[in-house]
């Protein structure tokens, strides 16, 4: 499938990390390597199917690494790739912006801080 041309580098970044869960998954993996069930527990509200889909997409984009140990019982661990680790400063800047300006946001329900 051909990739859609982007008009702005920010659009590319947003396309890679957009969605309700991808940024939260990356945030959890900034703390270190985690197993699937550990991620699901820490991301309360995410379904098994959604987590699996988001992890596959992040892996396909080269942001996370999946290590399958081929053991019984199955053990699979996820970690950020070197490319994924480069998002640390971006997420820190987004956090800082929300802390500083989030109280000014007005919009539809769910758009402001504390409504996620």
C-alpha atoms as a PDB file:
ATOM      1  CA  UNK A   1       0.000   0.000   0.000  1.00  0.00           C
ATOM      2  CA  UNK A   2       1.347   3.431  -0.916  1.00  0.00           C
ATOM      3  CA  UNK A   3       1.961   5.857   1.913  1.00  0.00           C
ATOM      4  CA  UNK A   4      -0.011   9.085   1.976  1.00  0.00           C
ATOM      5  CA  UNK A   5       2.112  12.147   1.342  1.00  0.00           C
ATOM      6  CA  UNK A   6       2.309  14.445   4.353  1.00  0.00           C
ATOM      7  CA  UNK A   7       2.348  18.191   4.046  1.00  0.00           C
ATOM      8  CA  UNK A   8       4.132  18.808   7.340  1.00  0.00           C
ATOM      9  CA  UNK A   9       6.616  16.810   9.437  1.00  0.00           C
ATOM     10  CA  UNK A  10       4.364  17.307  12.470  1.00  0.00           C
ATOM     11  CA  UNK A  11       1.614  15.475  10.591  1.00  0.00           C
ATOM     12  CA  UNK A  12       3.940  12.483  10.211  1.00  0.00           C
ATOM     13  CA  UNK A  13       4.748  12.477  13.937  1.00  0.00           C
ATOM     14  CA  UNK A  14       1.090  12.740  14.888  1.00  0.00           C
ATOM     15  CA  UNK A  15       0.218   9.948  12.476  1.00  0.00           C
ATOM     16  CA  UNK A  16       2.700   7.624  14.173  1.00  0.00           C
ATOM     17  CA  UNK A  17       1.695   8.362  17.779  1.00  0.00           C
ATOM     18  CA  UNK A  18      -1.959   9.377  17.373  1.00  0.00           C
ATOM     19  CA  UNK A  19      -4.794   7.535  18.963  1.00  0.00           C
ATOM     20  CA  UNK A  20      -5.925   7.149  22.523  1.00  0.00           C
ATOM     21  CA  UNK A  21      -3.454   4.455  23.527  1.00  0.00           C
ATOM     22  CA  UNK A  22      -0.195   4.746  21.590  1.00  0.00           C
ATOM     23  CA  UNK A  23       1.216   7.633  23.601  1.00  0.00           C
ATOM     24  CA  UNK A  24       0.209   5.877  26.827  1.00  0.00           C
ATOM     25  CA  UNK A  25       1.911   2.651  25.701  1.00  0.00           C
ATOM     26  CA  UNK A  26       5.072   4.572  24.821  1.00  0.00           C
ATOM     27  CA  UNK A  27       4.901   6.361  28.181  1.00  0.00           C
ATOM     28  CA  UNK A  28       4.704   3.017  30.007  1.00  0.00           C
ATOM     29  CA  UNK A  29       7.623   1.599  28.017  1.00  0.00           C
ATOM     30  CA  UNK A  30       9.753   4.642  28.855  1.00  0.00           C
ATOM     31  CA  UNK A  31       9.840   3.103  32.345  1.00  0.00           C
ATOM     32  CA  UNK A  32      11.387  -0.079  30.930  1.00  0.00           C
ATOM     33  CA  UNK A  33      10.610  -3.444  29.356  1.00  0.00           C
ATOM     34  CA  UNK A  34       7.143  -4.819  30.093  1.00  0.00           C
ATOM     35  CA  UNK A  35       5.114  -7.900  29.358  1.00  0.00           C
ATOM     36  CA  UNK A  36       1.746  -7.777  27.610  1.00  0.00           C
ATOM     37  CA  UNK A  37      -0.361  -8.421  30.725  1.00  0.00           C
ATOM     38  CA  UNK A  38       1.648  -5.886  32.709  1.00  0.00           C
ATOM     39  CA  UNK A  39       0.904  -3.242  30.066  1.00  0.00           C
ATOM     40  CA  UNK A  40      -2.771  -4.162  30.048  1.00  0.00           C
ATOM     41  CA  UNK A  41      -2.985  -3.818  33.852  1.00  0.00           C
ATOM     42  CA  UNK A  42      -1.231  -0.446  33.820  1.00  0.00           C
ATOM     43  CA  UNK A  43      -3.387   0.884  30.983  1.00  0.00           C
ATOM     44  CA  UNK A  44      -6.723   0.380  32.702  1.00  0.00           C
ATOM     45  CA  UNK A  45      -9.549   0.377  30.210  1.00  0.00           C
ATOM     46  CA  UNK A  46      -7.657  -0.959  27.189  1.00  0.00           C
ATOM     47  CA  UNK A  47      -8.953  -4.213  25.748  1.00  0.00           C
ATOM     48  CA  UNK A  48      -6.730  -7.166  24.900  1.00  0.00           C
ATOM     49  CA  UNK A  49      -7.541  -6.729  21.204  1.00  0.00           C
ATOM     50  CA  UNK A  50      -6.812  -2.992  21.171  1.00  0.00           C
ATOM     51  CA  UNK A  51      -3.514  -3.395  23.018  1.00  0.00           C
ATOM     52  CA  UNK A  52      -2.394  -6.134  20.623  1.00  0.00           C
ATOM     53  CA  UNK A  53      -3.322  -3.971  17.605  1.00  0.00           C
ATOM     54  CA  UNK A  54      -1.567  -0.869  18.957  1.00  0.00           C
ATOM     55  CA  UNK A  55       1.568  -2.866  19.816  1.00  0.00           C
ATOM     56  CA  UNK A  56       1.652  -4.350  16.290  1.00  0.00           C
ATOM     57  CA  UNK A  57       1.345  -0.868  14.752  1.00  0.00           C
ATOM     58  CA  UNK A  58       4.081   0.570  16.979  1.00  0.00           C
ATOM     59  CA  UNK A  59       6.309  -2.398  16.131  1.00  0.00           C
ATOM     60  CA  UNK A  60       5.611  -1.994  12.392  1.00  0.00           C
ATOM     61  CA  UNK A  61       6.670   1.661  12.668  1.00  0.00           C
ATOM     62  CA  UNK A  62       9.904   0.636  14.389  1.00  0.00           C
ATOM     63  CA  UNK A  63       9.080   2.322  17.705  1.00  0.00           C
ATOM     64  CA  UNK A  64       8.964  -0.787  19.869  1.00  0.00           C
ATOM     65  CA  UNK A  65      10.765  -4.107  19.992  1.00  0.00           C
ATOM     66  CA  UNK A  66       8.972  -7.399  20.651  1.00  0.00           C
ATOM     67  CA  UNK A  67      10.984 -10.201  22.224  1.00  0.00           C
ATOM     68  CA  UNK A  68       9.318 -13.641  22.086  1.00  0.00           C
ATOM     69  CA  UNK A  69      11.167 -16.110  24.299  1.00  0.00           C
ATOM     70  CA  UNK A  70       9.303 -19.126  22.862  1.00  0.00           C
ATOM     71  CA  UNK A  71       8.721 -20.640  26.288  1.00  0.00           C
ATOM     72  CA  UNK A  72       5.846 -22.470  27.889  1.00  0.00           C
ATOM     73  CA  UNK A  73       4.011 -20.628  29.314  1.00  0.00           C
ATOM     74  CA  UNK A  74       4.512 -17.974  26.634  1.00  0.00           C
ATOM     75  CA  UNK A  75       6.670 -15.002  27.563  1.00  0.00           C
ATOM     76  CA  UNK A  76       6.765 -11.943  25.322  1.00  0.00           C
ATOM     77  CA  UNK A  77       8.328  -8.645  26.345  1.00  0.00           C
ATOM     78  CA  UNK A  78       8.013  -5.206  24.794  1.00  0.00           C
ATOM     79  CA  UNK A  79      10.496  -2.359  24.964  1.00  0.00           C
ATOM     80  CA  UNK A  80      11.152   0.862  23.126  1.00  0.00           C
ATOM     81  CA  UNK A  81      13.547   0.711  20.211  1.00  0.00           C
ATOM     82  CA  UNK A  82      16.273   3.349  19.898  1.00  0.00           C
ATOM     83  CA  UNK A  83      13.871   5.192  17.568  1.00  0.00           C
ATOM     84  CA  UNK A  84      11.068   4.939  20.115  1.00  0.00           C
ATOM     85  CA  UNK A  85      13.317   6.333  22.822  1.00  0.00           C
ATOM     86  CA  UNK A  86      13.737   9.501  20.757  1.00  0.00           C
ATOM     87  CA  UNK A  87      10.101  10.319  21.596  1.00  0.00           C
ATOM     88  CA  UNK A  88      10.992  10.877  25.276  1.00  0.00           C
ATOM     89  CA  UNK A  89      11.593  14.622  24.863  1.00  0.00           C
ATOM     90  CA  UNK A  90       8.509  15.073  22.706  1.00  0.00           C
ATOM     91  CA  UNK A  91       6.293  13.462  25.333  1.00  0.00           C
ATOM     92  CA  UNK A  92       7.994  15.439  28.110  1.00  0.00           C
ATOM     93  CA  UNK A  93       7.301  18.659  26.188  1.00  0.00           C
ATOM     94  CA  UNK A  94       3.672  17.658  25.691  1.00  0.00           C
ATOM     95  CA  UNK A  95       3.372  16.952  29.417  1.00  0.00           C
ATOM     96  CA  UNK A  96       4.916  20.297  30.297  1.00  0.00           C
ATOM     97  CA  UNK A  97       2.618  22.123  27.886  1.00  0.00           C
ATOM     98  CA  UNK A  98      -0.459  20.447  29.406  1.00  0.00           C
ATOM     99  CA  UNK A  99       0.686  21.302  32.926  1.00  0.00           C
ATOM    100  CA  UNK A 100       1.204  24.948  31.942  1.00  0.00           C
ATOM    101  CA  UNK A 101      -1.707  25.530  29.574  1.00  0.00           C
ATOM    102  CA  UNK A 102      -4.183  22.692  30.050  1.00  0.00           C
ATOM    103  CA  UNK A 103      -6.437  24.737  32.300  1.00  0.00           C
ATOM    104  CA  UNK A 104      -7.043  27.131  29.388  1.00  0.00           C
ATOM    105  CA  UNK A 105      -8.465  24.457  27.087  1.00  0.00           C
ATOM    106  CA  UNK A 106     -12.150  24.760  26.331  1.00  0.00           C
ATOM    107  CA  UNK A 107     -13.945  22.457  24.013  1.00  0.00           C
ATOM    108  CA  UNK A 108     -16.205  19.458  23.741  1.00  0.00           C
ATOM    109  CA  UNK A 109     -16.496  17.055  26.684  1.00  0.00           C
ATOM    110  CA  UNK A 110     -13.362  14.971  26.979  1.00  0.00           C
ATOM    111  CA  UNK A 111     -11.098  17.572  25.369  1.00  0.00           C
ATOM    112  CA  UNK A 112      -9.722  19.129  28.525  1.00  0.00           C
ATOM    113  CA  UNK A 113      -7.436  17.864  31.261  1.00  0.00           C
ATOM    114  CA  UNK A 114      -8.916  15.425  33.706  1.00  0.00           C
ATOM    115  CA  UNK A 115     -11.445  14.202  31.160  1.00  0.00           C
ATOM    116  CA  UNK A 116      -9.382  11.450  29.598  1.00  0.00           C
END
